[in-house]
Amino acid sequence: DLFKPGAEVPADFYATLPVSIKVAGAYHDIGLFVSDLAKLPRIVTLHDISLMPANDGVVNMEARVQTYRYLDEGEMAAHKKQTDKAKKK
């Protein structure tokens, strides 16, 4: 029902990308969806999970998915430069 990426947030050597999602389905289908997220080639975590029953055995799930990726050397240098500049202020 919803797939809304947020702004990427860089850290020391990685960046996170939050994605707000809303999905609906049978309880076991929601479980299979979460299992498929765990099989993705990148690290993915679920946060702020809300499960709500709907009609006819359907479950609505809202959550924030957090994905992680490594920064390349240029991105790490730019992030370090930006944080050093912010510390000096």
PDB file of N, CA and C in Angstrom:
ATOM      1  N   ASP A   1       0.811  -1.190   0.000  1.00  0.00           N
ATOM      2  CA  ASP A   1       0.000   0.000   0.000  1.00  0.00           C
ATOM      3  C   ASP A   1       0.861   1.263   0.000  1.00  0.00           C
ATOM      4  N   LEU A   2       2.048   1.185   0.642  1.00  0.00           N
ATOM      5  CA  LEU A   2       2.919   2.360   0.693  1.00  0.00           C
ATOM      6  C   LEU A   2       4.373   1.913   0.687  1.00  0.00           C
ATOM      7  N   PHE A   3       5.186   2.601  -0.086  1.00  0.00           N
ATOM      8  CA  PHE A   3       6.642   2.437  -0.103  1.00  0.00           C
ATOM      9  C   PHE A   3       7.205   3.834  -0.292  1.00  0.00           C
ATOM     10  N   LYS A   4       7.644   4.464   0.828  1.00  0.00           N
ATOM     11  CA  LYS A   4       8.076   5.861   0.787  1.00  0.00           C
ATOM     12  C   LYS A   4       9.494   5.990   1.347  1.00  0.00           C
ATOM     13  N   PRO A   5      10.504   6.055   0.462  1.00  0.00           N
ATOM     14  CA  PRO A   5      11.877   6.240   0.940  1.00  0.00           C
ATOM     15  C   PRO A   5      12.076   7.612   1.564  1.00  0.00           C
ATOM     16  N   GLY A   6      12.890   7.652   2.621  1.00  0.00           N
ATOM     17  CA  GLY A   6      13.255   8.907   3.261  1.00  0.00           C
ATOM     18  C   GLY A   6      14.617   9.360   2.770  1.00  0.00           C
ATOM     19  N   ALA A   7      15.185  10.313   3.451  1.00  0.00           N
ATOM     20  CA  ALA A   7      16.509  10.835   3.090  1.00  0.00           C
ATOM     21  C   ALA A   7      17.599   9.910   3.631  1.00  0.00           C
ATOM     22  N   GLU A   8      18.616   9.670   2.810  1.00  0.00           N
ATOM     23  CA  GLU A   8      19.747   8.855   3.236  1.00  0.00           C
ATOM     24  C   GLU A   8      20.542   9.598   4.300  1.00  0.00           C
ATOM     25  N   VAL A   9      20.984   8.867   5.331  1.00  0.00           N
ATOM     26  CA  VAL A   9      21.728   9.455   6.450  1.00  0.00           C
ATOM     27  C   VAL A   9      23.123   8.822   6.503  1.00  0.00           C
ATOM     28  N   PRO A  10      24.176   9.596   6.181  1.00  0.00           N
ATOM     29  CA  PRO A  10      25.526   9.028   6.240  1.00  0.00           C
ATOM     30  C   PRO A  10      26.039   8.955   7.675  1.00  0.00           C
ATOM     31  N   ALA A  11      26.843   7.944   7.937  1.00  0.00           N
ATOM     32  CA  ALA A  11      27.535   7.789   9.220  1.00  0.00           C
ATOM     33  C   ALA A  11      29.027   7.671   8.898  1.00  0.00           C
ATOM     34  N   ASP A  12      29.833   7.141   9.804  1.00  0.00           N
ATOM     35  CA  ASP A  12      31.282   7.080   9.592  1.00  0.00           C
ATOM     36  C   ASP A  12      31.675   6.321   8.324  1.00  0.00           C
ATOM     37  N   PHE A  13      31.194   5.096   8.170  1.00  0.00           N
ATOM     38  CA  PHE A  13      31.599   4.273   7.030  1.00  0.00           C
ATOM     39  C   PHE A  13      30.414   3.648   6.304  1.00  0.00           C
ATOM     40  N   TYR A  14      29.206   4.029   6.709  1.00  0.00           N
ATOM     41  CA  TYR A  14      28.006   3.493   6.061  1.00  0.00           C
ATOM     42  C   TYR A  14      26.933   4.574   6.007  1.00  0.00           C
ATOM     43  N   ALA A  15      25.890   4.284   5.258  1.00  0.00           N
ATOM     44  CA  ALA A  15      24.744   5.184   5.181  1.00  0.00           C
ATOM     45  C   ALA A  15      23.485   4.356   5.397  1.00  0.00           C
ATOM     46  N   THR A  16      22.485   4.971   6.003  1.00  0.00           N
ATOM     47  CA  THR A  16      21.203   4.298   6.197  1.00  0.00           C
ATOM     48  C   THR A  16      20.147   4.997   5.347  1.00  0.00           C
ATOM     49  N   LEU A  17      19.193   4.218   4.903  1.00  0.00           N
ATOM     50  CA  LEU A  17      18.081   4.748   4.128  1.00  0.00           C
ATOM     51  C   LEU A  17      16.796   4.234   4.758  1.00  0.00           C
ATOM     52  N   PRO A  18      16.012   5.116   5.385  1.00  0.00           N
ATOM     53  CA  PRO A  18      14.743   4.687   5.962  1.00  0.00           C
ATOM     54  C   PRO A  18      13.655   4.657   4.886  1.00  0.00           C
ATOM     55  N   VAL A  19      12.786   3.667   4.969  1.00  0.00           N
ATOM     56  CA  VAL A  19      11.669   3.535   4.035  1.00  0.00           C
ATOM     57  C   VAL A  19      10.423   3.227   4.855  1.00  0.00           C
ATOM     58  N   SER A  20       9.405   4.056   4.730  1.00  0.00           N
ATOM     59  CA  SER A  20       8.129   3.792   5.395  1.00  0.00           C
ATOM     60  C   SER A  20       7.316   2.865   4.496  1.00  0.00           C
ATOM     61  N   ILE A  21       6.741   1.817   5.102  1.00  0.00           N
ATOM     62  CA  ILE A  21       5.948   0.873   4.318  1.00  0.00           C
ATOM     63  C   ILE A  21       4.615   0.607   5.003  1.00  0.00           C
ATOM     64  N   LYS A  22       3.637   0.253   4.198  1.00  0.00           N
ATOM     65  CA  LYS A  22       2.354  -0.266   4.668  1.00  0.00           C
ATOM     66  C   LYS A  22       2.022  -1.437   3.765  1.00  0.00           C
ATOM     67  N   VAL A  23       1.760  -2.582   4.370  1.00  0.00           N
ATOM     68  CA  VAL A  23       1.384  -3.774   3.611  1.00  0.00           C
ATOM     69  C   VAL A  23       0.169  -4.411   4.275  1.00  0.00           C
ATOM     70  N   ALA A  24      -0.580  -5.170   3.493  1.00  0.00           N
ATOM     71  CA  ALA A  24      -1.753  -5.865   4.009  1.00  0.00           C
ATOM     72  C   ALA A  24      -1.761  -7.277   3.440  1.00  0.00           C
ATOM     73  N   GLY A  25      -2.194  -8.214   4.253  1.00  0.00           N
ATOM     74  CA  GLY A  25      -2.286  -9.595   3.804  1.00  0.00           C
ATOM     75  C   GLY A  25      -2.621 -10.499   4.966  1.00  0.00           C
ATOM     76  N   ALA A  26      -2.703 -11.771   4.683  1.00  0.00           N
ATOM     77  CA  ALA A  26      -2.926 -12.759   5.732  1.00  0.00           C
ATOM     78  C   ALA A  26      -1.706 -12.763   6.657  1.00  0.00           C
ATOM     79  N   TYR A  27      -1.915 -13.181   7.886  1.00  0.00           N
ATOM     80  CA  TYR A  27      -0.846 -13.175   8.887  1.00  0.00           C
ATOM     81  C   TYR A  27       0.402 -13.891   8.371  1.00  0.00           C
ATOM     82  N   HIS A  28       0.216 -15.084   7.771  1.00  0.00           N
ATOM     83  CA  HIS A  28       1.366 -15.847   7.285  1.00  0.00           C
ATOM     84  C   HIS A  28       2.026 -15.159   6.081  1.00  0.00           C
ATOM     85  N   ASP A  29       1.243 -14.454   5.274  1.00  0.00           N
ATOM     86  CA  ASP A  29       1.816 -13.713   4.152  1.00  0.00           C
ATOM     87  C   ASP A  29       2.702 -12.574   4.650  1.00  0.00           C
ATOM     88  N   ILE A  30       2.282 -11.913   5.720  1.00  0.00           N
ATOM     89  CA  ILE A  30       3.110 -10.864   6.321  1.00  0.00           C
ATOM     90  C   ILE A  30       4.418 -11.478   6.808  1.00  0.00           C
ATOM     91  N   GLY A  31       4.335 -12.650   7.434  1.00  0.00           N
ATOM     92  CA  GLY A  31       5.539 -13.347   7.890  1.00  0.00           C
ATOM     93  C   GLY A  31       6.465 -13.702   6.732  1.00  0.00           C
ATOM     94  N   LEU A  32       5.903 -14.155   5.615  1.00  0.00           N
ATOM     95  CA  LEU A  32       6.718 -14.469   4.433  1.00  0.00           C
ATOM     96  C   LEU A  32       7.372 -13.210   3.861  1.00  0.00           C
ATOM     97  N   PHE A  33       6.637 -12.101   3.878  1.00  0.00           N
ATOM     98  CA  PHE A  33       7.192 -10.829   3.408  1.00  0.00           C
ATOM     99  C   PHE A  33       8.403 -10.432   4.247  1.00  0.00           C
ATOM    100  N   VAL A  34       8.271 -10.521   5.558  1.00  0.00           N
ATOM    101  CA  VAL A  34       9.381 -10.172   6.454  1.00  0.00           C
ATOM    102  C   VAL A  34      10.552 -11.135   6.237  1.00  0.00           C
ATOM    103  N   SER A  35      10.245 -12.408   6.025  1.00  0.00           N
ATOM    104  CA  SER A  35      11.290 -13.392   5.748  1.00  0.00           C
ATOM    105  C   SER A  35      12.030 -13.050   4.453  1.00  0.00           C
ATOM    106  N   ASP A  36      11.298 -12.615   3.437  1.00  0.00           N
ATOM    107  CA  ASP A  36      11.932 -12.215   2.172  1.00  0.00           C
ATOM    108  C   ASP A  36      12.822 -10.986   2.360  1.00  0.00           C
ATOM    109  N   LEU A  37      12.407 -10.051   3.229  1.00  0.00           N
ATOM    110  CA  LEU A  37      13.265  -8.897   3.525  1.00  0.00           C
ATOM    111  C   LEU A  37      14.596  -9.357   4.115  1.00  0.00           C
ATOM    112  N   ALA A  38      14.527 -10.366   4.973  1.00  0.00           N
ATOM    113  CA  ALA A  38      15.749 -10.871   5.618  1.00  0.00           C
ATOM    114  C   ALA A  38      16.694 -11.530   4.616  1.00  0.00           C
ATOM    115  N   LYS A  39      16.185 -11.961   3.478  1.00  0.00           N
ATOM    116  CA  LYS A  39      17.004 -12.627   2.466  1.00  0.00           C
ATOM    117  C   LYS A  39      17.649 -11.665   1.469  1.00  0.00           C
ATOM    118  N   LEU A  40      17.339 -10.369   1.582  1.00  0.00           N
ATOM    119  CA  LEU A  40      17.924  -9.403   0.655  1.00  0.00           C
ATOM    120  C   LEU A  40      19.441  -9.360   0.813  1.00  0.00           C
ATOM    121  N   PRO A  41      20.175  -9.015  -0.248  1.00  0.00           N
ATOM    122  CA  PRO A  41      21.637  -9.010  -0.176  1.00  0.00           C
ATOM    123  C   PRO A  41      22.219  -7.910   0.693  1.00  0.00           C
ATOM    124  N   ARG A  42      21.435  -6.950   1.103  1.00  0.00           N
ATOM    125  CA  ARG A  42      21.908  -5.870   1.956  1.00  0.00           C
ATOM    126  C   ARG A  42      21.255  -6.008   3.325  1.00  0.00           C
ATOM    127  N   ILE A  43      21.860  -5.423   4.339  1.00  0.00           N
ATOM    128  CA  ILE A  43      21.291  -5.484   5.683  1.00  0.00           C
ATOM    129  C   ILE A  43      20.023  -4.641   5.714  1.00  0.00           C
ATOM    130  N   VAL A  44      18.952  -5.239   6.209  1.00  0.00           N
ATOM    131  CA  VAL A  44      17.657  -4.569   6.321  1.00  0.00           C
ATOM    132  C   VAL A  44      17.111  -4.853   7.715  1.00  0.00           C
ATOM    133  N   THR A  45      16.685  -3.812   8.413  1.00  0.00           N
ATOM    134  CA  THR A  45      16.069  -3.989   9.729  1.00  0.00           C
ATOM    135  C   THR A  45      14.689  -3.358   9.722  1.00  0.00           C
ATOM    136  N   LEU A  46      13.806  -3.871  10.569  1.00  0.00           N
ATOM    137  CA  LEU A  46      12.451  -3.340  10.713  1.00  0.00           C
ATOM    138  C   LEU A  46      12.337  -2.595  12.032  1.00  0.00           C
ATOM    139  N   HIS A  47      11.680  -1.439  12.003  1.00  0.00           N
ATOM    140  CA  HIS A  47      11.509  -0.612  13.194  1.00  0.00           C
ATOM    141  C   HIS A  47      10.070  -0.123  13.264  1.00  0.00           C
ATOM    142  N   ASP A  48       9.618   0.217  14.464  1.00  0.00           N
ATOM    143  CA  ASP A  48       8.297   0.819  14.678  1.00  0.00           C
ATOM    144  C   ASP A  48       7.189   0.007  14.007  1.00  0.00           C
ATOM    145  N   ILE A  49       7.193  -1.301  14.230  1.00  0.00           N
ATOM    146  CA  ILE A  49       6.228  -2.192  13.590  1.00  0.00           C
ATOM    147  C   ILE A  49       4.878  -2.087  14.285  1.00  0.00           C
ATOM    148  N   SER A  50       3.837  -1.978  13.472  1.00  0.00           N
ATOM    149  CA  SER A  50       2.472  -1.941  13.978  1.00  0.00           C
ATOM    150  C   SER A  50       1.634  -2.933  13.172  1.00  0.00           C
ATOM    151  N   LEU A  51       1.077  -3.925  13.851  1.00  0.00           N
ATOM    152  CA  LEU A  51       0.184  -4.899  13.210  1.00  0.00           C
ATOM    153  C   LEU A  51      -1.231  -4.645  13.693  1.00  0.00           C
ATOM    154  N   MET A  52      -2.164  -4.526  12.746  1.00  0.00           N
ATOM    155  CA  MET A  52      -3.555  -4.269  13.099  1.00  0.00           C
ATOM    156  C   MET A  52      -4.466  -5.198  12.305  1.00  0.00           C
ATOM    157  N   PRO A  53      -5.391  -5.872  12.978  1.00  0.00           N
ATOM    158  CA  PRO A  53      -6.317  -6.737  12.240  1.00  0.00           C
ATOM    159  C   PRO A  53      -7.276  -5.907  11.389  1.00  0.00           C
ATOM    160  N   ALA A  54      -7.633  -6.442  10.245  1.00  0.00           N
ATOM    161  CA  ALA A  54      -8.620  -5.805   9.372  1.00  0.00           C
ATOM    162  C   ALA A  54      -9.746  -6.821   9.141  1.00  0.00           C
ATOM    163  N   ASN A  55     -10.397  -6.765   8.027  1.00  0.00           N
ATOM    164  CA  ASN A  55     -11.519  -7.665   7.738  1.00  0.00           C
ATOM    165  C   ASN A  55     -11.053  -9.008   7.170  1.00  0.00           C
ATOM    166  N   ASP A  56     -11.823 -10.042   7.432  1.00  0.00           N
ATOM    167  CA  ASP A  56     -11.641 -11.374   6.815  1.00  0.00           C
ATOM    168  C   ASP A  56     -10.233 -11.938   6.958  1.00  0.00           C
ATOM    169  N   GLY A  57      -9.638 -11.822   8.126  1.00  0.00           N
ATOM    170  CA  GLY A  57      -8.326 -12.411   8.372  1.00  0.00           C
ATOM    171  C   GLY A  57      -7.165 -11.627   7.791  1.00  0.00           C
ATOM    172  N   VAL A  58      -7.417 -10.447   7.281  1.00  0.00           N
ATOM    173  CA  VAL A  58      -6.345  -9.606   6.729  1.00  0.00           C
ATOM    174  C   VAL A  58      -5.700  -8.830   7.874  1.00  0.00           C
ATOM    175  N   VAL A  59      -4.393  -8.697   7.799  1.00  0.00           N
ATOM    176  CA  VAL A  59      -3.626  -7.939   8.791  1.00  0.00           C
ATOM    177  C   VAL A  59      -2.957  -6.780   8.066  1.00  0.00           C
ATOM    178  N   ASN A  60      -3.038  -5.596   8.647  1.00  0.00           N
ATOM    179  CA  ASN A  60      -2.331  -4.426   8.121  1.00  0.00           C
ATOM    180  C   ASN A  60      -1.057  -4.230   8.937  1.00  0.00           C
ATOM    181  N   MET A  61       0.056  -4.050   8.247  1.00  0.00           N
ATOM    182  CA  MET A  61       1.324  -3.798   8.921  1.00  0.00           C
ATOM    183  C   MET A  61       1.894  -2.476   8.420  1.00  0.00           C
ATOM    184  N   GLU A  62       2.256  -1.620   9.365  1.00  0.00           N
ATOM    185  CA  GLU A  62       3.001  -0.401   9.069  1.00  0.00           C
ATOM    186  C   GLU A  62       4.341  -0.529   9.758  1.00  0.00           C
ATOM    187  N   ALA A  63       5.406  -0.121   9.081  1.00  0.00           N
ATOM    188  CA  ALA A  63       6.741  -0.231   9.659  1.00  0.00           C
ATOM    189  C   ALA A  63       7.685   0.729   8.951  1.00  0.00           C
ATOM    190  N   ARG A  64       8.835   0.908   9.569  1.00  0.00           N
ATOM    191  CA  ARG A  64       9.936   1.640   8.942  1.00  0.00           C
ATOM    192  C   ARG A  64      11.028   0.627   8.678  1.00  0.00           C
ATOM    193  N   VAL A  65      11.376   0.467   7.425  1.00  0.00           N
ATOM    194  CA  VAL A  65      12.457  -0.431   7.015  1.00  0.00           C
ATOM    195  C   VAL A  65      13.720   0.415   6.935  1.00  0.00           C
ATOM    196  N   GLN A  66      14.798  -0.084   7.475  1.00  0.00           N
ATOM    197  CA  GLN A  66      16.071   0.633   7.439  1.00  0.00           C
ATOM    198  C   GLN A  66      17.051  -0.216   6.633  1.00  0.00           C
ATOM    199  N   THR A  67      17.596   0.343   5.551  1.00  0.00           N
ATOM    200  CA  THR A  67      18.614  -0.362   4.777  1.00  0.00           C
ATOM    201  C   THR A  67      19.968   0.294   5.030  1.00  0.00           C
ATOM    202  N   TYR A  68      21.010  -0.477   4.867  1.00  0.00           N
ATOM    203  CA  TYR A  68      22.370  -0.012   5.135  1.00  0.00           C
ATOM    204  C   TYR A  68      23.241  -0.298   3.921  1.00  0.00           C
ATOM    205  N   ARG A  69      24.180   0.607   3.663  1.00  0.00           N
ATOM    206  CA  ARG A  69      25.173   0.373   2.607  1.00  0.00           C
ATOM    207  C   ARG A  69      26.491   1.011   3.026  1.00  0.00           C
ATOM    208  N   TYR A  70      27.583   0.427   2.551  1.00  0.00           N
ATOM    209  CA  TYR A  70      28.901   0.995   2.818  1.00  0.00           C
ATOM    210  C   TYR A  70      29.112   2.225   1.953  1.00  0.00           C
ATOM    211  N   LEU A  71      29.780   3.229   2.493  1.00  0.00           N
ATOM    212  CA  LEU A  71      30.178   4.398   1.723  1.00  0.00           C
ATOM    213  C   LEU A  71      31.485   4.090   1.000  1.00  0.00           C
ATOM    214  N   ASP A  72      31.641   4.617  -0.213  1.00  0.00           N
ATOM    215  CA  ASP A  72      32.933   4.455  -0.876  1.00  0.00           C
ATOM    216  C   ASP A  72      33.914   5.477  -0.287  1.00  0.00           C
ATOM    217  N   GLU A  73      35.156   5.400  -0.688  1.00  0.00           N
ATOM    218  CA  GLU A  73      36.194   6.252  -0.080  1.00  0.00           C
ATOM    219  C   GLU A  73      35.898   7.739  -0.250  1.00  0.00           C
ATOM    220  N   GLY A  74      35.419   8.131  -1.418  1.00  0.00           N
ATOM    221  CA  GLY A  74      35.098   9.535  -1.661  1.00  0.00           C
ATOM    222  C   GLY A  74      33.960  10.018  -0.772  1.00  0.00           C
ATOM    223  N   GLU A  75      32.943   9.176  -0.604  1.00  0.00           N
ATOM    224  CA  GLU A  75      31.812   9.528   0.258  1.00  0.00           C
ATOM    225  C   GLU A  75      32.250   9.627   1.721  1.00  0.00           C
ATOM    226  N   MET A  76      33.132   8.709   2.148  1.00  0.00           N
ATOM    227  CA  MET A  76      33.621   8.766   3.537  1.00  0.00           C
ATOM    228  C   MET A  76      34.421  10.041   3.776  1.00  0.00           C
ATOM    229  N   ALA A  77      35.260  10.424   2.806  1.00  0.00           N
ATOM    230  CA  ALA A  77      36.074  11.636   2.949  1.00  0.00           C
ATOM    231  C   ALA A  77      35.163  12.876   3.008  1.00  0.00           C
ATOM    232  N   ALA A  78      34.147  12.913   2.159  1.00  0.00           N
ATOM    233  CA  ALA A  78      33.221  14.053   2.158  1.00  0.00           C
ATOM    234  C   ALA A  78      32.446  14.128   3.471  1.00  0.00           C
ATOM    235  N   HIS A  79      32.027  12.979   3.987  1.00  0.00           N
ATOM    236  CA  HIS A  79      31.293  12.964   5.262  1.00  0.00           C
ATOM    237  C   HIS A  79      32.196  13.414   6.404  1.00  0.00           C
ATOM    238  N   LYS A  80      33.456  12.941   6.414  1.00  0.00           N
ATOM    239  CA  LYS A  80      34.404  13.340   7.467  1.00  0.00           C
ATOM    240  C   LYS A  80      34.652  14.844   7.406  1.00  0.00           C
ATOM    241  N   LYS A  81      34.821  15.369   6.198  1.00  0.00           N
ATOM    242  CA  LYS A  81      35.052  16.805   6.029  1.00  0.00           C
ATOM    243  C   LYS A  81      33.853  17.604   6.540  1.00  0.00           C
ATOM    244  N   GLN A  82      32.658  17.136   6.247  1.00  0.00           N
ATOM    245  CA  GLN A  82      31.446  17.830   6.677  1.00  0.00           C
ATOM    246  C   GLN A  82      31.288  17.785   8.198  1.00  0.00           C
ATOM    247  N   THR A  83      31.562  16.637   8.827  1.00  0.00           N
ATOM    248  CA  THR A  83      31.430  16.542  10.282  1.00  0.00           C
ATOM    249  C   THR A  83      32.522  17.339  10.990  1.00  0.00           C
ATOM    250  N   ASP A  84      33.734  17.369  10.411  1.00  0.00           N
ATOM    251  CA  ASP A  84      34.800  18.183  11.000  1.00  0.00           C
ATOM    252  C   ASP A  84      34.436  19.662  10.944  1.00  0.00           C
ATOM    253  N   LYS A  85      33.855  20.098   9.834  1.00  0.00           N
ATOM    254  CA  LYS A  85      33.435  21.493   9.689  1.00  0.00           C
ATOM    255  C   LYS A  85      32.344  21.818  10.712  1.00  0.00           C
ATOM    256  N   ALA A  86      31.418  20.899  10.929  1.00  0.00           N
ATOM    257  CA  ALA A  86      30.329  21.121  11.874  1.00  0.00           C
ATOM    258  C   ALA A  86      30.852  21.190  13.309  1.00  0.00           C
ATOM    259  N   LYS A  87      31.886  20.418  13.628  1.00  0.00           N
ATOM    260  CA  LYS A  87      32.467  20.417  14.984  1.00  0.00           C
ATOM    261  C   LYS A  87      33.165  21.740  15.289  1.00  0.00           C
ATOM    262  N   LYS A  88      33.729  22.375  14.264  1.00  0.00           N
ATOM    263  CA  LYS A  88      34.460  23.625  14.448  1.00  0.00           C
ATOM    264  C   LYS A  88      33.540  24.795  14.733  1.00  0.00           C
ATOM    265  N   LYS A  89      32.263  24.682  14.372  1.00  0.00           N
ATOM    266  CA  LYS A  89      31.323  25.792  14.566  1.00  0.00           C
ATOM    267  C   LYS A  89      30.912  25.946  15.982  1.00  0.00           C
TER     268      LYS A  89
END
